[in-house]
Amino acid sequence: MIKIRIKHDNKIINQIQIIGHAEYDEYGKDIVCAAVSSIVIVTVNAIMKIDQECIEYTNSDDLIINIKKHTEITDLLIQNMLDLLKELEEQYAENIKFEN
C-alpha cells in the first residue's frame, strides 16, 4: 500500500512523504503506482520550473518533498497534487491511503 503522510505547522504544509508500493499489480504494470508517480512528478517539475528554491525532494525508496518557500502558485500546485491523490485514494482504497 502507498501511504501518504503530510506534516503541518499551523495548517501550513511543510513536508509530504509518499511511502511504499500500491501492490495493485506486479511491478512495472501497476496503474496505481503509475498514476501516483505521474501526479507527483508533474507537480514537482512544475514547481521546480517556477522556482527551484520552493521545494527540495529526495527520491529513493520513498519520496519526501520538503516545502521550503510558500508562494501562491506553489501552494496551489501542492494542494492540486494532494486533491488528485485523494481522488485516487477514493477509487483504490486498498492500494493508497492518507495517514495522519
N, C-alpha and C. Protein backbone atom coordinates (compact mmCIF):
# COMPACT_ATOMS: atom_id res chain seq x y z
N MET A 1 0.83 -1.18 0.00
CA MET A 1 0.00 0.00 0.00
C MET A 1 0.88 1.25 0.00
N ILE A 2 0.46 2.25 -0.78
CA ILE A 2 1.13 3.54 -0.76
C ILE A 2 0.55 4.34 0.40
N LYS A 3 1.42 4.89 1.22
CA LYS A 3 0.98 5.72 2.34
C LYS A 3 1.48 7.14 2.10
N ILE A 4 0.58 8.09 2.31
CA ILE A 4 0.91 9.50 2.13
C ILE A 4 0.77 10.18 3.48
N ARG A 5 1.86 10.78 3.91
CA ARG A 5 1.89 11.48 5.19
C ARG A 5 2.18 12.96 4.94
N ILE A 6 1.40 13.81 5.58
CA ILE A 6 1.57 15.25 5.42
C ILE A 6 1.92 15.84 6.78
N LYS A 7 3.01 16.59 6.81
CA LYS A 7 3.42 17.27 8.04
C LYS A 7 3.06 18.74 7.93
N HIS A 8 2.36 19.23 8.97
CA HIS A 8 1.89 20.61 9.00
C HIS A 8 2.57 21.38 10.12
N ASP A 9 2.54 22.68 9.99
CA ASP A 9 2.90 23.60 11.06
C ASP A 9 1.87 24.73 11.00
N ASN A 10 0.96 24.75 11.95
CA ASN A 10 -0.13 25.74 11.94
C ASN A 10 -0.91 25.70 10.63
N LYS A 11 -1.29 24.50 10.20
CA LYS A 11 -2.07 24.26 8.98
C LYS A 11 -1.32 24.57 7.69
N ILE A 12 -0.04 24.83 7.78
CA ILE A 12 0.79 25.05 6.60
C ILE A 12 1.57 23.77 6.32
N ILE A 13 1.44 23.25 5.12
CA ILE A 13 2.12 22.00 4.76
C ILE A 13 3.61 22.26 4.60
N ASN A 14 4.41 21.50 5.35
CA ASN A 14 5.86 21.64 5.27
C ASN A 14 6.54 20.44 4.63
N GLN A 15 5.88 19.27 4.71
CA GLN A 15 6.50 18.07 4.15
C GLN A 15 5.43 17.09 3.73
N ILE A 16 5.71 16.39 2.63
CA ILE A 16 4.85 15.31 2.15
C ILE A 16 5.74 14.10 1.95
N GLN A 17 5.33 12.98 2.54
CA GLN A 17 6.04 11.72 2.38
C GLN A 17 5.14 10.75 1.63
N ILE A 18 5.69 10.12 0.62
CA ILE A 18 4.97 9.10 -0.14
C ILE A 18 5.79 7.82 -0.04
N ILE A 19 5.21 6.82 0.62
CA ILE A 19 5.95 5.64 1.04
C ILE A 19 5.25 4.37 0.52
N GLY A 20 6.04 3.44 0.04
CA GLY A 20 5.51 2.12 -0.27
C GLY A 20 5.13 1.93 -1.72
N HIS A 21 4.49 0.79 -1.96
CA HIS A 21 4.06 0.37 -3.30
C HIS A 21 2.59 -0.01 -3.24
N ALA A 22 1.85 0.32 -4.26
CA ALA A 22 0.40 0.10 -4.26
C ALA A 22 0.02 -1.38 -4.22
N GLU A 23 0.84 -2.22 -4.86
CA GLU A 23 0.56 -3.66 -4.95
C GLU A 23 -0.76 -3.95 -5.65
N TYR A 24 -1.16 -3.07 -6.54
CA TYR A 24 -2.36 -3.29 -7.36
C TYR A 24 -2.09 -4.37 -8.40
N ASP A 25 -0.86 -4.36 -8.92
CA ASP A 25 -0.45 -5.33 -9.93
C ASP A 25 1.05 -5.54 -9.76
N GLU A 26 1.64 -6.40 -10.53
CA GLU A 26 3.07 -6.65 -10.42
C GLU A 26 3.87 -5.42 -10.81
N TYR A 27 5.09 -5.37 -10.31
CA TYR A 27 5.98 -4.23 -10.57
C TYR A 27 6.10 -4.00 -12.07
N GLY A 28 5.95 -2.76 -12.48
CA GLY A 28 6.04 -2.41 -13.89
C GLY A 28 4.69 -2.39 -14.60
N LYS A 29 3.67 -2.95 -13.96
CA LYS A 29 2.32 -2.98 -14.55
C LYS A 29 1.28 -2.37 -13.62
N ASP A 30 1.73 -1.73 -12.56
CA ASP A 30 0.84 -1.23 -11.52
C ASP A 30 0.32 0.16 -11.90
N ILE A 31 -0.97 0.23 -12.27
CA ILE A 31 -1.53 1.51 -12.72
C ILE A 31 -1.69 2.51 -11.57
N VAL A 32 -1.84 2.03 -10.35
CA VAL A 32 -1.96 2.95 -9.21
C VAL A 32 -0.61 3.62 -8.95
N CYS A 33 0.45 2.85 -8.94
CA CYS A 33 1.79 3.43 -8.76
C CYS A 33 2.11 4.39 -9.91
N ALA A 34 1.74 4.01 -11.12
CA ALA A 34 2.00 4.88 -12.26
C ALA A 34 1.24 6.19 -12.14
N ALA A 35 0.01 6.13 -11.69
CA ALA A 35 -0.79 7.35 -11.52
C ALA A 35 -0.19 8.25 -10.45
N VAL A 36 0.18 7.66 -9.32
CA VAL A 36 0.79 8.44 -8.24
C VAL A 36 2.08 9.08 -8.73
N SER A 37 2.92 8.31 -9.38
CA SER A 37 4.19 8.83 -9.90
C SER A 37 3.97 9.98 -10.87
N SER A 38 3.03 9.82 -11.77
CA SER A 38 2.75 10.86 -12.76
C SER A 38 2.28 12.15 -12.10
N ILE A 39 1.35 12.04 -11.18
CA ILE A 39 0.82 13.21 -10.48
C ILE A 39 1.94 13.95 -9.75
N VAL A 40 2.75 13.19 -9.03
CA VAL A 40 3.80 13.81 -8.22
C VAL A 40 4.92 14.39 -9.09
N ILE A 41 5.35 13.66 -10.09
CA ILE A 41 6.44 14.14 -10.95
C ILE A 41 6.03 15.40 -11.70
N VAL A 42 4.83 15.45 -12.24
CA VAL A 42 4.35 16.64 -12.94
C VAL A 42 4.33 17.83 -11.99
N THR A 43 3.85 17.62 -10.77
CA THR A 43 3.78 18.71 -9.79
C THR A 43 5.17 19.19 -9.41
N VAL A 44 6.05 18.28 -9.06
CA VAL A 44 7.41 18.66 -8.66
C VAL A 44 8.12 19.38 -9.81
N ASN A 45 8.01 18.88 -11.02
CA ASN A 45 8.65 19.52 -12.17
C ASN A 45 8.10 20.92 -12.41
N ALA A 46 6.79 21.10 -12.27
CA ALA A 46 6.19 22.42 -12.47
C ALA A 46 6.70 23.41 -11.43
N ILE A 47 6.74 22.98 -10.18
CA ILE A 47 7.24 23.87 -9.12
C ILE A 47 8.70 24.21 -9.36
N MET A 48 9.50 23.23 -9.72
CA MET A 48 10.93 23.47 -9.95
C MET A 48 11.17 24.41 -11.13
N LYS A 49 10.31 24.37 -12.14
CA LYS A 49 10.46 25.30 -13.27
C LYS A 49 10.14 26.72 -12.86
N ILE A 50 9.21 26.87 -11.94
CA ILE A 50 8.80 28.21 -11.50
C ILE A 50 9.84 28.80 -10.55
N ASP A 51 10.25 27.99 -9.55
CA ASP A 51 11.20 28.49 -8.55
C ASP A 51 11.85 27.29 -7.86
N GLN A 52 13.11 27.03 -8.18
CA GLN A 52 13.81 25.87 -7.64
C GLN A 52 14.03 25.94 -6.14
N GLU A 53 13.87 27.11 -5.55
CA GLU A 53 14.08 27.26 -4.12
C GLU A 53 12.84 26.95 -3.29
N CYS A 54 11.71 26.69 -3.95
CA CYS A 54 10.46 26.46 -3.22
C CYS A 54 10.41 25.09 -2.55
N ILE A 55 11.00 24.09 -3.20
CA ILE A 55 10.95 22.74 -2.64
C ILE A 55 12.30 22.05 -2.77
N GLU A 56 12.47 21.07 -1.90
CA GLU A 56 13.56 20.10 -2.01
C GLU A 56 12.90 18.73 -1.95
N TYR A 57 13.46 17.78 -2.65
CA TYR A 57 12.88 16.45 -2.58
C TYR A 57 13.96 15.40 -2.66
N THR A 58 13.67 14.27 -2.05
CA THR A 58 14.53 13.10 -2.16
C THR A 58 13.67 11.98 -2.72
N ASN A 59 14.26 11.21 -3.60
CA ASN A 59 13.52 10.13 -4.23
C ASN A 59 14.38 8.87 -4.20
N SER A 60 14.24 8.13 -3.12
CA SER A 60 14.91 6.83 -3.03
C SER A 60 13.78 5.80 -3.06
N ASP A 61 13.69 4.96 -2.06
CA ASP A 61 12.54 4.05 -1.99
C ASP A 61 11.28 4.83 -1.66
N ASP A 62 11.43 5.87 -0.88
CA ASP A 62 10.32 6.74 -0.52
C ASP A 62 10.57 8.12 -1.12
N LEU A 63 9.49 8.85 -1.36
CA LEU A 63 9.62 10.21 -1.87
C LEU A 63 9.27 11.17 -0.75
N ILE A 64 10.16 12.10 -0.50
CA ILE A 64 9.93 13.12 0.52
C ILE A 64 10.07 14.49 -0.14
N ILE A 65 9.01 15.29 -0.02
CA ILE A 65 9.00 16.65 -0.57
C ILE A 65 8.97 17.61 0.61
N ASN A 66 9.99 18.45 0.70
CA ASN A 66 10.03 19.50 1.72
C ASN A 66 9.70 20.82 1.07
N ILE A 67 8.69 21.50 1.57
CA ILE A 67 8.32 22.80 1.05
C ILE A 67 9.10 23.85 1.82
N LYS A 68 9.99 24.54 1.12
CA LYS A 68 10.91 25.49 1.76
C LYS A 68 10.42 26.93 1.67
N LYS A 69 9.66 27.22 0.62
CA LYS A 69 9.19 28.59 0.41
C LYS A 69 7.76 28.51 -0.11
N HIS A 70 6.85 29.13 0.62
CA HIS A 70 5.45 29.12 0.23
C HIS A 70 5.13 30.34 -0.62
N THR A 71 4.64 30.07 -1.81
CA THR A 71 4.13 31.11 -2.68
C THR A 71 2.71 30.69 -3.07
N GLU A 72 1.97 31.61 -3.62
CA GLU A 72 0.59 31.29 -4.00
C GLU A 72 0.57 30.13 -5.00
N ILE A 73 1.42 30.17 -6.00
CA ILE A 73 1.41 29.14 -7.04
C ILE A 73 1.93 27.80 -6.50
N THR A 74 2.96 27.84 -5.67
CA THR A 74 3.49 26.59 -5.10
C THR A 74 2.42 25.92 -4.24
N ASP A 75 1.79 26.69 -3.38
CA ASP A 75 0.76 26.13 -2.51
C ASP A 75 -0.42 25.60 -3.32
N LEU A 76 -0.77 26.30 -4.39
CA LEU A 76 -1.86 25.85 -5.26
C LEU A 76 -1.51 24.54 -5.96
N LEU A 77 -0.29 24.43 -6.46
CA LEU A 77 0.14 23.19 -7.12
C LEU A 77 0.21 22.02 -6.13
N ILE A 78 0.71 22.28 -4.93
CA ILE A 78 0.77 21.23 -3.91
C ILE A 78 -0.65 20.77 -3.55
N GLN A 79 -1.55 21.72 -3.35
CA GLN A 79 -2.93 21.36 -3.00
C GLN A 79 -3.60 20.59 -4.12
N ASN A 80 -3.34 20.98 -5.37
CA ASN A 80 -3.88 20.25 -6.51
C ASN A 80 -3.36 18.81 -6.53
N MET A 81 -2.07 18.64 -6.28
CA MET A 81 -1.48 17.31 -6.23
C MET A 81 -2.17 16.46 -5.16
N LEU A 82 -2.36 17.03 -3.97
CA LEU A 82 -2.99 16.29 -2.88
C LEU A 82 -4.45 15.96 -3.22
N ASP A 83 -5.15 16.88 -3.85
CA ASP A 83 -6.54 16.60 -4.25
C ASP A 83 -6.61 15.44 -5.24
N LEU A 84 -5.69 15.42 -6.21
CA LEU A 84 -5.66 14.32 -7.17
C LEU A 84 -5.34 12.99 -6.49
N LEU A 85 -4.40 13.02 -5.55
CA LEU A 85 -4.06 11.79 -4.82
C LEU A 85 -5.23 11.32 -3.96
N LYS A 86 -5.99 12.26 -3.40
CA LYS A 86 -7.18 11.88 -2.62
C LYS A 86 -8.25 11.24 -3.51
N GLU A 87 -8.38 11.72 -4.73
CA GLU A 87 -9.31 11.08 -5.67
C GLU A 87 -8.87 9.65 -5.96
N LEU A 88 -7.57 9.44 -6.11
CA LEU A 88 -7.07 8.07 -6.31
C LEU A 88 -7.36 7.20 -5.09
N GLU A 89 -7.20 7.78 -3.91
CA GLU A 89 -7.47 7.05 -2.68
C GLU A 89 -8.93 6.59 -2.64
N GLU A 90 -9.85 7.43 -3.10
CA GLU A 90 -11.27 7.07 -3.13
C GLU A 90 -11.51 5.90 -4.08
N GLN A 91 -10.82 5.86 -5.19
CA GLN A 91 -11.01 4.81 -6.19
C GLN A 91 -10.26 3.52 -5.86
N TYR A 92 -9.13 3.64 -5.17
CA TYR A 92 -8.27 2.49 -4.89
C TYR A 92 -7.91 2.46 -3.40
N ALA A 93 -8.92 2.40 -2.57
CA ALA A 93 -8.73 2.49 -1.11
C ALA A 93 -7.86 1.36 -0.54
N GLU A 94 -7.78 0.26 -1.24
CA GLU A 94 -6.94 -0.86 -0.76
C GLU A 94 -5.47 -0.67 -1.15
N ASN A 95 -5.19 0.34 -1.96
CA ASN A 95 -3.84 0.49 -2.50
C ASN A 95 -3.16 1.80 -2.14
N ILE A 96 -3.93 2.79 -1.71
CA ILE A 96 -3.36 4.09 -1.37
C ILE A 96 -4.14 4.67 -0.20
N LYS A 97 -3.38 5.26 0.75
CA LYS A 97 -4.04 5.77 1.96
C LYS A 97 -3.30 6.99 2.49
N PHE A 98 -4.08 8.02 2.82
CA PHE A 98 -3.52 9.17 3.53
C PHE A 98 -3.48 8.83 5.01
N GLU A 99 -2.37 9.14 5.65
CA GLU A 99 -2.23 8.91 7.08
C GLU A 99 -2.01 10.23 7.78
N ASN A 100 -2.44 10.28 9.03
CA ASN A 100 -2.23 11.49 9.83
C ASN A 100 -0.96 11.38 10.64
